[in-house]
N, C-alpha and C. Protein backbone atom coordinates (compact mmCIF):
# COMPACT_ATOMS: atom_id res chain seq x y z
N MET A 1 0.84 -1.18 0.00
CA MET A 1 0.00 0.00 0.00
C MET A 1 0.89 1.24 0.00
N SER A 2 0.62 2.13 -0.92
CA SER A 2 1.41 3.35 -1.00
C SER A 2 0.48 4.56 -0.96
N ILE A 3 1.00 5.65 -0.45
CA ILE A 3 0.22 6.88 -0.33
C ILE A 3 0.67 7.86 -1.40
N ASP A 4 -0.27 8.39 -2.12
CA ASP A 4 0.02 9.41 -3.12
C ASP A 4 0.10 10.75 -2.40
N TRP A 5 1.31 11.15 -2.01
CA TRP A 5 1.50 12.36 -1.21
C TRP A 5 1.14 13.62 -2.00
N GLY A 6 1.30 13.58 -3.28
CA GLY A 6 0.93 14.74 -4.09
C GLY A 6 -0.57 15.01 -4.01
N ALA A 7 -1.36 13.95 -4.12
CA ALA A 7 -2.81 14.09 -4.01
C ALA A 7 -3.21 14.51 -2.60
N PHE A 8 -2.52 13.96 -1.59
CA PHE A 8 -2.81 14.32 -0.21
C PHE A 8 -2.57 15.81 0.03
N VAL A 9 -1.46 16.31 -0.43
CA VAL A 9 -1.14 17.74 -0.27
C VAL A 9 -2.13 18.60 -1.06
N SER A 10 -2.50 18.13 -2.23
CA SER A 10 -3.47 18.86 -3.06
C SER A 10 -4.81 19.00 -2.35
N VAL A 11 -5.30 17.91 -1.75
CA VAL A 11 -6.57 17.95 -1.03
C VAL A 11 -6.45 18.83 0.22
N PHE A 12 -5.31 18.74 0.92
CA PHE A 12 -5.10 19.55 2.11
C PHE A 12 -5.11 21.04 1.77
N VAL A 13 -4.41 21.42 0.72
CA VAL A 13 -4.36 22.83 0.33
C VAL A 13 -5.73 23.32 -0.13
N ALA A 14 -6.45 22.49 -0.88
CA ALA A 14 -7.79 22.88 -1.34
C ALA A 14 -8.75 23.05 -0.16
N ALA A 15 -8.66 22.16 0.83
CA ALA A 15 -9.52 22.28 2.01
C ALA A 15 -9.16 23.51 2.82
N LEU A 16 -7.89 23.79 2.96
CA LEU A 16 -7.44 24.97 3.70
C LEU A 16 -7.88 26.26 3.01
N LEU A 17 -7.74 26.32 1.71
CA LEU A 17 -8.17 27.51 0.97
C LEU A 17 -9.69 27.66 0.99
N GLY A 18 -10.41 26.57 0.87
CA GLY A 18 -11.87 26.63 0.91
C GLY A 18 -12.38 27.11 2.26
N ALA A 19 -11.80 26.57 3.34
CA ALA A 19 -12.21 26.99 4.68
C ALA A 19 -11.85 28.45 4.91
N GLY A 20 -10.66 28.84 4.47
CA GLY A 20 -10.24 30.24 4.63
C GLY A 20 -11.13 31.20 3.85
N ALA A 21 -11.50 30.83 2.64
CA ALA A 21 -12.37 31.68 1.83
C ALA A 21 -13.76 31.80 2.46
N THR A 22 -14.28 30.70 2.99
CA THR A 22 -15.60 30.74 3.61
C THR A 22 -15.60 31.66 4.83
N VAL A 23 -14.60 31.51 5.68
CA VAL A 23 -14.51 32.36 6.87
C VAL A 23 -14.29 33.81 6.48
N LEU A 24 -13.45 34.06 5.49
CA LEU A 24 -13.18 35.43 5.05
C LEU A 24 -14.43 36.10 4.52
N PHE A 25 -15.18 35.43 3.67
CA PHE A 25 -16.38 36.05 3.11
C PHE A 25 -17.45 36.28 4.18
N TYR A 26 -17.56 35.35 5.13
CA TYR A 26 -18.55 35.52 6.19
C TYR A 26 -18.17 36.69 7.09
N ALA A 27 -16.90 36.78 7.49
CA ALA A 27 -16.46 37.88 8.34
C ALA A 27 -16.58 39.22 7.63
N LEU A 28 -16.21 39.25 6.36
CA LEU A 28 -16.32 40.49 5.59
C LEU A 28 -17.79 40.88 5.41
N GLY A 29 -18.65 39.89 5.22
CA GLY A 29 -20.08 40.17 5.11
C GLY A 29 -20.64 40.77 6.38
N LEU A 30 -20.23 40.22 7.54
CA LEU A 30 -20.68 40.79 8.81
C LEU A 30 -20.16 42.20 8.99
N ARG A 31 -18.91 42.43 8.62
CA ARG A 31 -18.32 43.77 8.75
C ARG A 31 -19.06 44.77 7.86
N MET A 32 -19.38 44.40 6.65
CA MET A 32 -20.12 45.29 5.76
C MET A 32 -21.54 45.52 6.26
N LEU A 33 -22.13 44.51 6.87
CA LEU A 33 -23.47 44.64 7.43
C LEU A 33 -23.47 45.67 8.57
N VAL A 34 -22.45 45.64 9.39
CA VAL A 34 -22.34 46.62 10.48
C VAL A 34 -22.08 48.01 9.90
N ARG A 35 -21.24 48.11 8.89
CA ARG A 35 -20.97 49.42 8.27
C ARG A 35 -22.23 49.99 7.61
N ALA A 36 -23.11 49.12 7.18
CA ALA A 36 -24.36 49.57 6.56
C ALA A 36 -25.37 50.03 7.60
N GLY A 37 -25.04 49.89 8.89
CA GLY A 37 -25.94 50.32 9.93
C GLY A 37 -26.97 49.29 10.32
N ARG A 38 -26.75 48.06 9.96
CA ARG A 38 -27.69 46.98 10.28
C ARG A 38 -26.99 45.97 11.18
N VAL A 39 -26.74 46.39 12.41
CA VAL A 39 -26.03 45.55 13.36
C VAL A 39 -26.91 44.36 13.75
N PRO A 40 -26.43 43.14 13.54
CA PRO A 40 -27.24 41.98 13.91
C PRO A 40 -27.24 41.78 15.42
N VAL A 41 -28.42 41.78 16.01
CA VAL A 41 -28.57 41.49 17.43
C VAL A 41 -29.23 40.11 17.54
N VAL A 42 -28.53 39.18 18.13
CA VAL A 42 -29.01 37.82 18.23
C VAL A 42 -29.66 37.62 19.60
N THR A 43 -30.89 37.18 19.59
CA THR A 43 -31.57 36.92 20.86
C THR A 43 -31.07 35.60 21.43
N PRO A 44 -31.03 35.49 22.74
CA PRO A 44 -30.50 34.26 23.34
C PRO A 44 -31.44 33.09 23.18
N VAL A 45 -30.87 31.94 23.27
CA VAL A 45 -31.63 30.70 23.17
C VAL A 45 -31.77 30.14 24.58
N GLU A 46 -32.96 29.73 24.91
CA GLU A 46 -33.16 29.11 26.21
C GLU A 46 -33.25 27.60 26.03
N PHE A 47 -32.49 26.90 26.81
CA PHE A 47 -32.47 25.45 26.76
C PHE A 47 -33.23 24.91 27.98
N THR A 48 -33.78 23.76 27.84
CA THR A 48 -34.45 23.15 28.99
C THR A 48 -33.40 22.76 30.02
N ASP A 49 -33.69 23.05 31.26
CA ASP A 49 -32.79 22.73 32.37
C ASP A 49 -31.42 23.38 32.23
N ALA A 50 -31.36 24.55 31.62
CA ALA A 50 -30.08 25.26 31.48
C ALA A 50 -30.33 26.74 31.71
N ILE A 51 -29.25 27.50 31.77
CA ILE A 51 -29.38 28.92 32.00
C ILE A 51 -29.57 29.67 30.69
N THR A 52 -30.10 30.87 30.77
CA THR A 52 -30.25 31.71 29.60
C THR A 52 -28.91 32.39 29.32
N VAL A 53 -28.58 32.52 28.07
CA VAL A 53 -27.30 33.10 27.68
C VAL A 53 -27.27 34.59 28.06
N LEU A 54 -28.31 35.33 27.77
CA LEU A 54 -28.40 36.76 28.09
C LEU A 54 -29.72 37.04 28.81
N SER A 55 -29.69 38.00 29.69
CA SER A 55 -30.93 38.40 30.35
C SER A 55 -31.68 39.38 29.45
N GLU A 56 -32.94 39.64 29.79
CA GLU A 56 -33.74 40.59 29.01
C GLU A 56 -33.12 41.97 29.04
N LYS A 57 -32.56 42.35 30.18
CA LYS A 57 -31.91 43.66 30.31
C LYS A 57 -30.71 43.77 29.37
N GLU A 58 -29.93 42.71 29.29
CA GLU A 58 -28.77 42.72 28.41
C GLU A 58 -29.19 42.76 26.94
N ILE A 59 -30.29 42.11 26.61
CA ILE A 59 -30.79 42.14 25.24
C ILE A 59 -31.22 43.55 24.86
N ARG A 60 -31.96 44.21 25.77
CA ARG A 60 -32.39 45.59 25.49
C ARG A 60 -31.19 46.53 25.37
N ARG A 61 -30.19 46.34 26.23
CA ARG A 61 -29.00 47.18 26.17
C ARG A 61 -28.25 46.97 24.85
N ALA A 62 -28.13 45.73 24.40
CA ALA A 62 -27.44 45.45 23.13
C ALA A 62 -28.20 46.05 21.96
N ALA A 63 -29.54 45.96 21.98
CA ALA A 63 -30.34 46.55 20.90
C ALA A 63 -30.21 48.07 20.90
N LYS A 64 -30.16 48.66 22.09
CA LYS A 64 -30.02 50.11 22.21
C LYS A 64 -28.65 50.56 21.68
N GLN A 65 -27.61 49.81 22.01
CA GLN A 65 -26.27 50.13 21.52
C GLN A 65 -26.19 49.98 20.00
N ALA A 66 -26.88 48.99 19.45
CA ALA A 66 -26.89 48.79 18.00
C ALA A 66 -27.58 49.96 17.31
N GLU A 67 -28.69 50.43 17.86
CA GLU A 67 -29.40 51.58 17.29
C GLU A 67 -28.53 52.83 17.36
N LYS A 68 -27.83 53.01 18.48
CA LYS A 68 -26.96 54.17 18.65
C LYS A 68 -25.82 54.14 17.65
N ALA A 69 -25.23 52.97 17.45
CA ALA A 69 -24.14 52.83 16.49
C ALA A 69 -24.63 53.10 15.07
N ALA A 70 -25.86 52.68 14.76
CA ALA A 70 -26.41 52.93 13.42
C ALA A 70 -26.63 54.41 13.19
N ARG A 71 -27.04 55.15 14.23
CA ARG A 71 -27.27 56.59 14.08
C ARG A 71 -25.96 57.35 13.96
N LYS A 72 -24.89 56.85 14.57
CA LYS A 72 -23.61 57.56 14.56
C LYS A 72 -22.79 57.28 13.30
N SER A 73 -23.27 56.50 12.40
CA SER A 73 -22.51 56.12 11.21
C SER A 73 -22.21 57.36 10.36
N PRO A 74 -20.94 57.55 9.98
CA PRO A 74 -20.58 58.70 9.16
C PRO A 74 -20.90 58.53 7.67
N LEU A 75 -21.44 57.40 7.31
CA LEU A 75 -21.70 57.12 5.90
C LEU A 75 -23.02 57.75 5.45
N SER A 76 -23.05 58.10 4.18
CA SER A 76 -24.30 58.60 3.60
C SER A 76 -25.22 57.41 3.32
N GLU A 77 -26.46 57.71 2.99
CA GLU A 77 -27.42 56.63 2.71
C GLU A 77 -26.98 55.80 1.50
N ARG A 78 -26.38 56.47 0.54
CA ARG A 78 -25.90 55.76 -0.65
C ARG A 78 -24.75 54.81 -0.31
N GLN A 79 -23.84 55.27 0.55
CA GLN A 79 -22.73 54.43 0.98
C GLN A 79 -23.22 53.25 1.83
N LYS A 80 -24.23 53.51 2.65
CA LYS A 80 -24.81 52.42 3.45
C LYS A 80 -25.45 51.37 2.55
N ALA A 81 -26.13 51.83 1.50
CA ALA A 81 -26.75 50.89 0.57
C ALA A 81 -25.69 50.06 -0.16
N PHE A 82 -24.59 50.71 -0.52
CA PHE A 82 -23.49 49.99 -1.18
C PHE A 82 -22.87 48.97 -0.24
N ALA A 83 -22.67 49.35 1.03
CA ALA A 83 -22.10 48.42 2.01
C ALA A 83 -23.04 47.24 2.23
N PHE A 84 -24.35 47.50 2.24
CA PHE A 84 -25.32 46.42 2.41
C PHE A 84 -25.29 45.48 1.20
N ALA A 85 -25.17 46.04 0.01
CA ALA A 85 -25.08 45.21 -1.20
C ALA A 85 -23.80 44.36 -1.16
N CYS A 86 -22.70 44.94 -0.69
CA CYS A 86 -21.46 44.19 -0.56
C CYS A 86 -21.61 43.06 0.47
N ALA A 87 -22.32 43.35 1.56
CA ALA A 87 -22.55 42.32 2.58
C ALA A 87 -23.34 41.15 1.99
N ILE A 88 -24.38 41.46 1.25
CA ILE A 88 -25.18 40.41 0.63
C ILE A 88 -24.32 39.61 -0.35
N GLY A 89 -23.49 40.31 -1.13
CA GLY A 89 -22.59 39.62 -2.06
C GLY A 89 -21.62 38.70 -1.36
N CYS A 90 -21.08 39.15 -0.21
CA CYS A 90 -20.16 38.31 0.55
C CYS A 90 -20.86 37.07 1.10
N PHE A 91 -22.09 37.24 1.58
CA PHE A 91 -22.83 36.09 2.08
C PHE A 91 -23.17 35.12 0.95
N ILE A 92 -23.45 35.64 -0.22
CA ILE A 92 -23.71 34.77 -1.38
C ILE A 92 -22.44 34.00 -1.75
N LEU A 93 -21.28 34.67 -1.75
CA LEU A 93 -20.02 33.98 -2.05
C LEU A 93 -19.72 32.92 -0.99
N CYS A 94 -20.01 33.23 0.26
CA CYS A 94 -19.81 32.26 1.34
C CYS A 94 -20.69 31.03 1.12
N GLY A 95 -21.94 31.26 0.80
CA GLY A 95 -22.86 30.15 0.53
C GLY A 95 -22.44 29.36 -0.70
N ALA A 96 -21.94 30.06 -1.72
CA ALA A 96 -21.48 29.37 -2.93
C ALA A 96 -20.27 28.49 -2.64
N ALA A 97 -19.38 28.97 -1.76
CA ALA A 97 -18.21 28.16 -1.39
C ALA A 97 -18.64 26.90 -0.66
N VAL A 98 -19.60 27.03 0.25
CA VAL A 98 -20.10 25.87 0.98
C VAL A 98 -20.82 24.92 0.02
N PHE A 99 -21.68 25.46 -0.84
CA PHE A 99 -22.40 24.63 -1.80
C PHE A 99 -21.43 23.93 -2.76
N GLY A 100 -20.41 24.65 -3.20
CA GLY A 100 -19.41 24.04 -4.08
C GLY A 100 -18.67 22.90 -3.41
N GLY A 101 -18.34 23.07 -2.13
CA GLY A 101 -17.68 21.99 -1.40
C GLY A 101 -18.57 20.77 -1.26
N ILE A 102 -19.83 21.01 -0.94
CA ILE A 102 -20.78 19.89 -0.84
C ILE A 102 -20.96 19.20 -2.19
N LEU A 103 -21.03 20.00 -3.24
CA LEU A 103 -21.16 19.44 -4.58
C LEU A 103 -19.96 18.58 -4.96
N LEU A 104 -18.76 19.05 -4.58
CA LEU A 104 -17.56 18.24 -4.85
C LEU A 104 -17.58 16.93 -4.10
N ILE A 105 -18.08 16.96 -2.87
CA ILE A 105 -18.15 15.72 -2.10
C ILE A 105 -19.17 14.76 -2.68
N VAL A 106 -20.33 15.27 -3.04
CA VAL A 106 -21.42 14.40 -3.52
C VAL A 106 -21.15 13.89 -4.92
N VAL A 107 -20.81 14.80 -5.83
CA VAL A 107 -20.64 14.42 -7.24
C VAL A 107 -19.27 13.76 -7.46
N GLY A 108 -18.27 14.27 -6.80
CA GLY A 108 -16.93 13.70 -7.00
C GLY A 108 -16.11 14.58 -7.92
N HIS A 109 -15.36 13.99 -8.71
CA HIS A 109 -14.40 14.66 -9.60
C HIS A 109 -15.04 15.85 -10.20
């Protein structure tokens, strides 16, 4: 039994680049979303027999801070719209990278 090290390195590099691209597009999409004045506020999840991640007071404070940050944005409405379009584009590229990886696994070559 022999190992084709060239193919192994090729798969490793492709996986590393794919994971890096997915994380990069997602992070850039979130950054553009914040620049567009649409700060995502995630509500906590309550689990049975577990503690709540955030209290109601903390949720209200986070939402208030997000609204304040959106009002303080130095960007014009046109720039905010462009940043939002870039965010959507980044999320689409992130989804395409994930879909392409799944397609490679399912279909093969």
